[in-house]
């Protein structure tokens, strides 16, 4: 593990990272032209994230769907409430 962070705005991928054991540090918010804010998920840096990203994009993942659904719902709730 290193001291850097990994940032993504993709909620589905962020939920996958959480289910895969990655540490979400916080969510930052950026204003968008439509008046809504975009959530940026900031994770603790980990050398495995690149492998997780490649597997996710290729559809080669195996996860517990209940855990994934809960993680995704929790992230969306935090975004709607703009919680860090």
PDB file of N, CA and C in Angstrom:
ATOM      1  N   UNK A   1       0.832  -1.171   0.000  1.00  0.00           N
ATOM      2  CA  UNK A   1       0.000   0.000   0.000  1.00  0.00           C
ATOM      3  C   UNK A   1       0.879   1.237   0.000  1.00  0.00           C
ATOM      4  N   UNK A   2       0.366   2.320  -0.651  1.00  0.00           N
ATOM      5  CA  UNK A   2       1.149   3.551  -0.676  1.00  0.00           C
ATOM      6  C   UNK A   2       0.358   4.677  -0.033  1.00  0.00           C
ATOM      7  N   UNK A   3       0.950   5.880   0.018  1.00  0.00           N
ATOM      8  CA  UNK A   3       0.334   7.012   0.703  1.00  0.00           C
ATOM      9  C   UNK A   3      -0.529   7.879  -0.208  1.00  0.00           C
ATOM     10  N   UNK A   4      -0.726   7.497  -1.438  1.00  0.00           N
ATOM     11  CA  UNK A   4      -1.531   8.289  -2.352  1.00  0.00           C
ATOM     12  C   UNK A   4      -3.005   7.934  -2.202  1.00  0.00           C
ATOM     13  N   UNK A   5      -3.821   8.657  -2.936  1.00  0.00           N
ATOM     14  CA  UNK A   5      -5.249   8.355  -2.932  1.00  0.00           C
ATOM     15  C   UNK A   5      -5.673   8.011  -4.348  1.00  0.00           C
ATOM     16  N   UNK A   6      -6.831   7.399  -4.453  1.00  0.00           N
ATOM     17  CA  UNK A   6      -7.450   7.091  -5.732  1.00  0.00           C
ATOM     18  C   UNK A   6      -8.816   7.754  -5.730  1.00  0.00           C
ATOM     19  N   UNK A   7      -9.135   8.467  -6.822  1.00  0.00           N
ATOM     20  CA  UNK A   7     -10.402   9.197  -6.910  1.00  0.00           C
ATOM     21  C   UNK A   7     -11.179   8.716  -8.123  1.00  0.00           C
ATOM     22  N   UNK A   8     -12.480   8.489  -7.941  1.00  0.00           N
ATOM     23  CA  UNK A   8     -13.370   8.149  -9.041  1.00  0.00           C
ATOM     24  C   UNK A   8     -14.716   8.836  -8.820  1.00  0.00           C
ATOM     25  N   UNK A   9     -15.375   9.167  -9.910  1.00  0.00           N
ATOM     26  CA  UNK A   9     -16.729   9.722  -9.807  1.00  0.00           C
ATOM     27  C   UNK A   9     -17.776   8.667 -10.161  1.00  0.00           C
ATOM     28  N   UNK A  10     -17.335   7.453 -10.454  1.00  0.00           N
ATOM     29  CA  UNK A  10     -18.236   6.370 -10.843  1.00  0.00           C
ATOM     30  C   UNK A  10     -18.775   5.646  -9.607  1.00  0.00           C
ATOM     31  N   UNK A  11     -20.051   5.845  -9.338  1.00  0.00           N
ATOM     32  CA  UNK A  11     -20.669   5.266  -8.149  1.00  0.00           C
ATOM     33  C   UNK A  11     -20.612   3.741  -8.161  1.00  0.00           C
ATOM     34  N   UNK A  12     -20.882   3.131  -9.310  1.00  0.00           N
ATOM     35  CA  UNK A  12     -20.857   1.664  -9.384  1.00  0.00           C
ATOM     36  C   UNK A  12     -19.473   1.118  -9.059  1.00  0.00           C
ATOM     37  N   UNK A  13     -18.441   1.751  -9.599  1.00  0.00           N
ATOM     38  CA  UNK A  13     -17.083   1.289  -9.333  1.00  0.00           C
ATOM     39  C   UNK A  13     -16.700   1.544  -7.872  1.00  0.00           C
ATOM     40  N   UNK A  14     -17.125   2.679  -7.327  1.00  0.00           N
ATOM     41  CA  UNK A  14     -16.842   2.971  -5.922  1.00  0.00           C
ATOM     42  C   UNK A  14     -17.484   1.919  -5.017  1.00  0.00           C
ATOM     43  N   UNK A  15     -18.713   1.533  -5.320  1.00  0.00           N
ATOM     44  CA  UNK A  15     -19.382   0.500  -4.526  1.00  0.00           C
ATOM     45  C   UNK A  15     -18.617  -0.821  -4.629  1.00  0.00           C
ATOM     46  N   UNK A  16     -18.155  -1.139  -5.828  1.00  0.00           N
ATOM     47  CA  UNK A  16     -17.364  -2.363  -6.016  1.00  0.00           C
ATOM     48  C   UNK A  16     -16.081  -2.312  -5.184  1.00  0.00           C
ATOM     49  N   UNK A  17     -15.413  -1.158  -5.176  1.00  0.00           N
ATOM     50  CA  UNK A  17     -14.181  -1.037  -4.386  1.00  0.00           C
ATOM     51  C   UNK A  17     -14.463  -1.228  -2.898  1.00  0.00           C
ATOM     52  N   UNK A  18     -15.566  -0.675  -2.426  1.00  0.00           N
ATOM     53  CA  UNK A  18     -15.916  -0.840  -1.010  1.00  0.00           C
ATOM     54  C   UNK A  18     -16.157  -2.307  -0.683  1.00  0.00           C
ATOM     55  N   UNK A  19     -16.924  -2.989  -1.531  1.00  0.00           N
ATOM     56  CA  UNK A  19     -17.208  -4.416  -1.318  1.00  0.00           C
ATOM     57  C   UNK A  19     -15.920  -5.240  -1.399  1.00  0.00           C
ATOM     58  N   UNK A  20     -14.964  -4.756  -2.179  1.00  0.00           N
ATOM     59  CA  UNK A  20     -13.689  -5.456  -2.326  1.00  0.00           C
ATOM     60  C   UNK A  20     -12.714  -5.154  -1.193  1.00  0.00           C
ATOM     61  N   UNK A  21     -13.133  -4.330  -0.237  1.00  0.00           N
ATOM     62  CA  UNK A  21     -12.312  -4.073   0.940  1.00  0.00           C
ATOM     63  C   UNK A  21     -11.468  -2.816   0.888  1.00  0.00           C
ATOM     64  N   UNK A  22     -11.658  -1.978  -0.124  1.00  0.00           N
ATOM     65  CA  UNK A  22     -10.896  -0.739  -0.194  1.00  0.00           C
ATOM     66  C   UNK A  22     -11.486   0.281   0.777  1.00  0.00           C
ATOM     67  N   UNK A  23     -10.642   1.174   1.279  1.00  0.00           N
ATOM     68  CA  UNK A  23     -11.041   2.132   2.301  1.00  0.00           C
ATOM     69  C   UNK A  23     -11.447   3.467   1.670  1.00  0.00           C
ATOM     70  N   UNK A  24     -12.749   3.782   1.739  1.00  0.00           N
ATOM     71  CA  UNK A  24     -13.254   5.078   1.281  1.00  0.00           C
ATOM     72  C   UNK A  24     -12.928   6.103   2.356  1.00  0.00           C
ATOM     73  N   UNK A  25     -12.120   7.117   1.989  1.00  0.00           N
ATOM     74  CA  UNK A  25     -11.728   8.146   2.952  1.00  0.00           C
ATOM     75  C   UNK A  25     -12.854   9.161   3.117  1.00  0.00           C
ATOM     76  N   UNK A  26     -13.350   9.684   1.998  1.00  0.00           N
ATOM     77  CA  UNK A  26     -14.457  10.634   2.034  1.00  0.00           C
ATOM     78  C   UNK A  26     -14.985  10.875   0.621  1.00  0.00           C
ATOM     79  N   UNK A  27     -16.058  11.656   0.552  1.00  0.00           N
ATOM     80  CA  UNK A  27     -16.625  12.057  -0.731  1.00  0.00           C
ATOM     81  C   UNK A  27     -16.488  13.568  -0.842  1.00  0.00           C
ATOM     82  N   UNK A  28     -15.905  14.027  -1.947  1.00  0.00           N
ATOM     83  CA  UNK A  28     -15.824  15.457  -2.247  1.00  0.00           C
ATOM     84  C   UNK A  28     -16.945  15.781  -3.225  1.00  0.00           C
ATOM     85  N   UNK A  29     -17.350  17.042  -3.255  1.00  0.00           N
ATOM     86  CA  UNK A  29     -18.422  17.439  -4.155  1.00  0.00           C
ATOM     87  C   UNK A  29     -17.964  18.568  -5.059  1.00  0.00           C
ATOM     88  N   UNK A  30     -18.276  18.428  -6.346  1.00  0.00           N
ATOM     89  CA  UNK A  30     -17.965  19.451  -7.344  1.00  0.00           C
ATOM     90  C   UNK A  30     -19.268  19.961  -7.932  1.00  0.00           C
ATOM     91  N   UNK A  31     -19.396  21.286  -8.065  1.00  0.00           N
ATOM     92  CA  UNK A  31     -20.595  21.808  -8.721  1.00  0.00           C
ATOM     93  C   UNK A  31     -20.577  21.476 -10.217  1.00  0.00           C
ATOM     94  N   UNK A  32     -21.761  21.278 -10.779  1.00  0.00           N
ATOM     95  CA  UNK A  32     -21.884  21.047 -12.220  1.00  0.00           C
ATOM     96  C   UNK A  32     -22.758  22.147 -12.808  1.00  0.00           C
ATOM     97  N   UNK A  33     -22.743  22.263 -14.114  1.00  0.00           N
ATOM     98  CA  UNK A  33     -23.484  23.325 -14.790  1.00  0.00           C
ATOM     99  C   UNK A  33     -25.000  23.216 -14.601  1.00  0.00           C
ATOM    100  N   UNK A  34     -25.493  22.020 -14.288  1.00  0.00           N
ATOM    101  CA  UNK A  34     -26.936  21.849 -14.095  1.00  0.00           C
ATOM    102  C   UNK A  34     -27.382  22.183 -12.668  1.00  0.00           C
ATOM    103  N   UNK A  35     -26.458  22.667 -11.851  1.00  0.00           N
ATOM    104  CA  UNK A  35     -26.794  23.049 -10.485  1.00  0.00           C
ATOM    105  C   UNK A  35     -26.642  21.925  -9.471  1.00  0.00           C
ATOM    106  N   UNK A  36     -26.541  20.705  -9.944  1.00  0.00           N
ATOM    107  CA  UNK A  36     -26.351  19.567  -9.048  1.00  0.00           C
ATOM    108  C   UNK A  36     -24.856  19.359  -8.834  1.00  0.00           C
ATOM    109  N   UNK A  37     -24.524  18.727  -7.738  1.00  0.00           N
ATOM    110  CA  UNK A  37     -23.114  18.463  -7.458  1.00  0.00           C
ATOM    111  C   UNK A  37     -22.767  17.028  -7.813  1.00  0.00           C
ATOM    112  N   UNK A  38     -21.523  16.834  -8.237  1.00  0.00           N
ATOM    113  CA  UNK A  38     -21.028  15.502  -8.566  1.00  0.00           C
ATOM    114  C   UNK A  38     -20.173  15.014  -7.412  1.00  0.00           C
ATOM    115  N   UNK A  39     -20.387  13.781  -7.011  1.00  0.00           N
ATOM    116  CA  UNK A  39     -19.596  13.191  -5.948  1.00  0.00           C
ATOM    117  C   UNK A  39     -18.314  12.589  -6.485  1.00  0.00           C
ATOM    118  N   UNK A  40     -17.217  12.883  -5.819  1.00  0.00           N
ATOM    119  CA  UNK A  40     -15.923  12.286  -6.126  1.00  0.00           C
ATOM    120  C   UNK A  40     -15.536  11.420  -4.928  1.00  0.00           C
ATOM    121  N   UNK A  41     -15.395  10.135  -5.170  1.00  0.00           N
ATOM    122  CA  UNK A  41     -15.095   9.175  -4.111  1.00  0.00           C
ATOM    123  C   UNK A  41     -13.585   9.066  -3.958  1.00  0.00           C
ATOM    124  N   UNK A  42     -13.099   9.393  -2.778  1.00  0.00           N
ATOM    125  CA  UNK A  42     -11.662   9.398  -2.513  1.00  0.00           C
ATOM    126  C   UNK A  42     -11.327   8.180  -1.655  1.00  0.00           C
ATOM    127  N   UNK A  43     -10.529   7.299  -2.233  1.00  0.00           N
ATOM    128  CA  UNK A  43     -10.117   6.070  -1.554  1.00  0.00           C
ATOM    129  C   UNK A  43      -8.655   6.150  -1.138  1.00  0.00           C
ATOM    130  N   UNK A  44      -8.346   5.438  -0.092  1.00  0.00           N
ATOM    131  CA  UNK A  44      -6.951   5.277   0.312  1.00  0.00           C
ATOM    132  C   UNK A  44      -6.227   4.548  -0.814  1.00  0.00           C
ATOM    133  N   UNK A  45      -5.051   5.025  -1.150  1.00  0.00           N
ATOM    134  CA  UNK A  45      -4.292   4.404  -2.231  1.00  0.00           C
ATOM    135  C   UNK A  45      -3.960   2.950  -1.942  1.00  0.00           C
ATOM    136  N   UNK A  46      -4.064   2.131  -2.953  1.00  0.00           N
ATOM    137  CA  UNK A  46      -3.768   0.706  -2.818  1.00  0.00           C
ATOM    138  C   UNK A  46      -3.366   0.189  -4.191  1.00  0.00           C
ATOM    139  N   UNK A  47      -2.292  -0.547  -4.252  1.00  0.00           N
ATOM    140  CA  UNK A  47      -1.794  -1.028  -5.544  1.00  0.00           C
ATOM    141  C   UNK A  47      -2.760  -1.984  -6.239  1.00  0.00           C
ATOM    142  N   UNK A  48      -3.710  -2.552  -5.511  1.00  0.00           N
ATOM    143  CA  UNK A  48      -4.665  -3.484  -6.103  1.00  0.00           C
ATOM    144  C   UNK A  48      -5.788  -2.792  -6.878  1.00  0.00           C
ATOM    145  N   UNK A  49      -5.970  -1.490  -6.674  1.00  0.00           N
ATOM    146  CA  UNK A  49      -7.089  -0.791  -7.300  1.00  0.00           C
ATOM    147  C   UNK A  49      -7.031  -0.876  -8.822  1.00  0.00           C
ATOM    148  N   UNK A  50      -5.865  -0.769  -9.398  1.00  0.00           N
ATOM    149  CA  UNK A  50      -5.754  -0.851 -10.867  1.00  0.00           C
ATOM    150  C   UNK A  50      -6.235  -2.211 -11.375  1.00  0.00           C
ATOM    151  N   UNK A  51      -5.888  -3.275 -10.663  1.00  0.00           N
ATOM    152  CA  UNK A  51      -6.378  -4.611 -11.037  1.00  0.00           C
ATOM    153  C   UNK A  51      -7.900  -4.690 -10.886  1.00  0.00           C
ATOM    154  N   UNK A  52      -8.433  -4.140  -9.789  1.00  0.00           N
ATOM    155  CA  UNK A  52      -9.881  -4.115  -9.591  1.00  0.00           C
ATOM    156  C   UNK A  52     -10.559  -3.349 -10.726  1.00  0.00           C
ATOM    157  N   UNK A  53      -9.956  -2.234 -11.137  1.00  0.00           N
ATOM    158  CA  UNK A  53     -10.525  -1.425 -12.219  1.00  0.00           C
ATOM    159  C   UNK A  53     -10.571  -2.220 -13.520  1.00  0.00           C
ATOM    160  N   UNK A  54      -9.484  -2.889 -13.853  1.00  0.00           N
ATOM    161  CA  UNK A  54      -9.433  -3.690 -15.080  1.00  0.00           C
ATOM    162  C   UNK A  54     -10.467  -4.817 -15.055  1.00  0.00           C
ATOM    163  N   UNK A  55     -10.584  -5.496 -13.935  1.00  0.00           N
ATOM    164  CA  UNK A  55     -11.558  -6.578 -13.806  1.00  0.00           C
ATOM    165  C   UNK A  55     -12.983  -6.043 -13.899  1.00  0.00           C
ATOM    166  N   UNK A  56     -13.241  -4.910 -13.265  1.00  0.00           N
ATOM    167  CA  UNK A  56     -14.575  -4.308 -13.275  1.00  0.00           C
ATOM    168  C   UNK A  56     -14.968  -3.921 -14.700  1.00  0.00           C
ATOM    169  N   UNK A  57     -14.055  -3.258 -15.401  1.00  0.00           N
ATOM    170  CA  UNK A  57     -14.343  -2.817 -16.769  1.00  0.00           C
ATOM    171  C   UNK A  57     -14.530  -3.989 -17.725  1.00  0.00           C
ATOM    172  N   UNK A  58     -13.861  -5.106 -17.442  1.00  0.00           N
ATOM    173  CA  UNK A  58     -13.984  -6.291 -18.288  1.00  0.00           C
ATOM    174  C   UNK A  58     -15.171  -7.162 -17.883  1.00  0.00           C
ATOM    175  N   UNK A  59     -15.845  -6.814 -16.797  1.00  0.00           N
ATOM    176  CA  UNK A  59     -16.974  -7.613 -16.326  1.00  0.00           C
ATOM    177  C   UNK A  59     -16.545  -8.932 -15.722  1.00  0.00           C
ATOM    178  N   UNK A  60     -15.317  -8.976 -15.232  1.00  0.00           N
ATOM    179  CA  UNK A  60     -14.774 -10.213 -14.666  1.00  0.00           C
ATOM    180  C   UNK A  60     -14.685 -10.116 -13.148  1.00  0.00           C
ATOM    181  N   UNK A  61     -15.835  -9.882 -12.525  1.00  0.00           N
ATOM    182  CA  UNK A  61     -15.856  -9.720 -11.078  1.00  0.00           C
ATOM    183  C   UNK A  61     -16.795 -10.744 -10.457  1.00  0.00           C
ATOM    184  N   UNK A  62     -16.524 -11.044  -9.221  1.00  0.00           N
ATOM    185  CA  UNK A  62     -17.374 -11.945  -8.456  1.00  0.00           C
ATOM    186  C   UNK A  62     -17.559 -11.309  -7.087  1.00  0.00           C
ATOM    187  N   UNK A  63     -18.793 -10.857  -6.813  1.00  0.00           N
ATOM    188  CA  UNK A  63     -19.071 -10.182  -5.556  1.00  0.00           C
ATOM    189  C   UNK A  63     -20.411 -10.654  -5.005  1.00  0.00           C
ATOM    190  N   UNK A  64     -20.630 -10.371  -3.745  1.00  0.00           N
ATOM    191  CA  UNK A  64     -21.924 -10.620  -3.121  1.00  0.00           C
ATOM    192  C   UNK A  64     -22.845  -9.472  -3.529  1.00  0.00           C
ATOM    193  N   UNK A  65     -23.904  -9.773  -4.266  1.00  0.00           N
ATOM    194  CA  UNK A  65     -24.777  -8.724  -4.792  1.00  0.00           C
ATOM    195  C   UNK A  65     -25.502  -7.960  -3.691  1.00  0.00           C
ATOM    196  N   UNK A  66     -25.838  -8.602  -2.597  1.00  0.00           N
ATOM    197  CA  UNK A  66     -26.490  -7.897  -1.486  1.00  0.00           C
ATOM    198  C   UNK A  66     -25.544  -6.847  -0.901  1.00  0.00           C
ATOM    199  N   UNK A  67     -24.292  -7.230  -0.704  1.00  0.00           N
ATOM    200  CA  UNK A  67     -23.299  -6.281  -0.186  1.00  0.00           C
ATOM    201  C   UNK A  67     -23.088  -5.130  -1.161  1.00  0.00           C
ATOM    202  N   UNK A  68     -23.016  -5.455  -2.447  1.00  0.00           N
ATOM    203  CA  UNK A  68     -22.825  -4.433  -3.476  1.00  0.00           C
ATOM    204  C   UNK A  68     -24.006  -3.463  -3.507  1.00  0.00           C
ATOM    205  N   UNK A  69     -25.218  -4.013  -3.470  1.00  0.00           N
ATOM    206  CA  UNK A  69     -26.419  -3.175  -3.508  1.00  0.00           C
ATOM    207  C   UNK A  69     -26.453  -2.235  -2.302  1.00  0.00           C
ATOM    208  N   UNK A  70     -26.108  -2.738  -1.127  1.00  0.00           N
ATOM    209  CA  UNK A  70     -26.096  -1.908   0.077  1.00  0.00           C
ATOM    210  C   UNK A  70     -25.040  -0.821  -0.035  1.00  0.00           C
ATOM    211  N   UNK A  71     -23.848  -1.165  -0.484  1.00  0.00           N
ATOM    212  CA  UNK A  71     -22.768  -0.170  -0.625  1.00  0.00           C
ATOM    213  C   UNK A  71     -23.173   0.914  -1.612  1.00  0.00           C
ATOM    214  N   UNK A  72     -23.768   0.527  -2.725  1.00  0.00           N
ATOM    215  CA  UNK A  72     -24.181   1.493  -3.753  1.00  0.00           C
ATOM    216  C   UNK A  72     -25.292   2.402  -3.226  1.00  0.00           C
ATOM    217  N   UNK A  73     -26.264   1.820  -2.545  1.00  0.00           N
ATOM    218  CA  UNK A  73     -27.357   2.603  -1.969  1.00  0.00           C
ATOM    219  C   UNK A  73     -26.834   3.592  -0.928  1.00  0.00           C
ATOM    220  N   UNK A  74     -25.917   3.132  -0.080  1.00  0.00           N
ATOM    221  CA  UNK A  74     -25.324   4.007   0.935  1.00  0.00           C
ATOM    222  C   UNK A  74     -24.588   5.180   0.283  1.00  0.00           C
ATOM    223  N   UNK A  75     -23.839   4.907  -0.785  1.00  0.00           N
ATOM    224  CA  UNK A  75     -23.124   5.980  -1.482  1.00  0.00           C
ATOM    225  C   UNK A  75     -24.099   6.980  -2.096  1.00  0.00           C
ATOM    226  N   UNK A  76     -25.134   6.490  -2.740  1.00  0.00           N
ATOM    227  CA  UNK A  76     -26.116   7.383  -3.354  1.00  0.00           C
ATOM    228  C   UNK A  76     -26.832   8.223  -2.297  1.00  0.00           C
ATOM    229  N   UNK A  77     -27.136   7.633  -1.154  1.00  0.00           N
ATOM    230  CA  UNK A  77     -27.750   8.382  -0.055  1.00  0.00           C
ATOM    231  C   UNK A  77     -26.820   9.497   0.428  1.00  0.00           C
ATOM    232  N   UNK A  78     -25.552   9.181   0.559  1.00  0.00           N
ATOM    233  CA  UNK A  78     -24.583  10.192   1.003  1.00  0.00           C
ATOM    234  C   UNK A  78     -24.468  11.317  -0.013  1.00  0.00           C
ATOM    235  N   UNK A  79     -24.490  10.969  -1.292  1.00  0.00           N
ATOM    236  CA  UNK A  79     -24.411  12.004  -2.324  1.00  0.00           C
ATOM    237  C   UNK A  79     -25.641  12.911  -2.261  1.00  0.00           C
ATOM    238  N   UNK A  80     -26.814  12.325  -2.143  1.00  0.00           N
ATOM    239  CA  UNK A  80     -28.044  13.123  -2.092  1.00  0.00           C
ATOM    240  C   UNK A  80     -28.041  14.069  -0.897  1.00  0.00           C
ATOM    241  N   UNK A  81     -27.422  13.638   0.203  1.00  0.00           N
ATOM    242  CA  UNK A  81     -27.369  14.461   1.403  1.00  0.00           C
ATOM    243  C   UNK A  81     -26.073  15.274   1.483  1.00  0.00           C
ATOM    244  N   UNK A  82     -25.207  15.110   0.487  1.00  0.00           N
ATOM    245  CA  UNK A  82     -23.895  15.770   0.420  1.00  0.00           C
ATOM    246  C   UNK A  82     -23.079  15.555   1.689  1.00  0.00           C
ATOM    247  N   UNK A  83     -23.027  14.305   2.111  1.00  0.00           N
ATOM    248  CA  UNK A  83     -22.221  13.953   3.283  1.00  0.00           C
ATOM    249  C   UNK A  83     -20.821  13.555   2.840  1.00  0.00           C
ATOM    250  N   UNK A  84     -19.822  13.976   3.600  1.00  0.00           N
ATOM    251  CA  UNK A  84     -18.428  13.611   3.236  1.00  0.00           C
ATOM    252  C   UNK A  84     -18.130  12.140   3.426  1.00  0.00           C
TER     253      UNK A  84
END
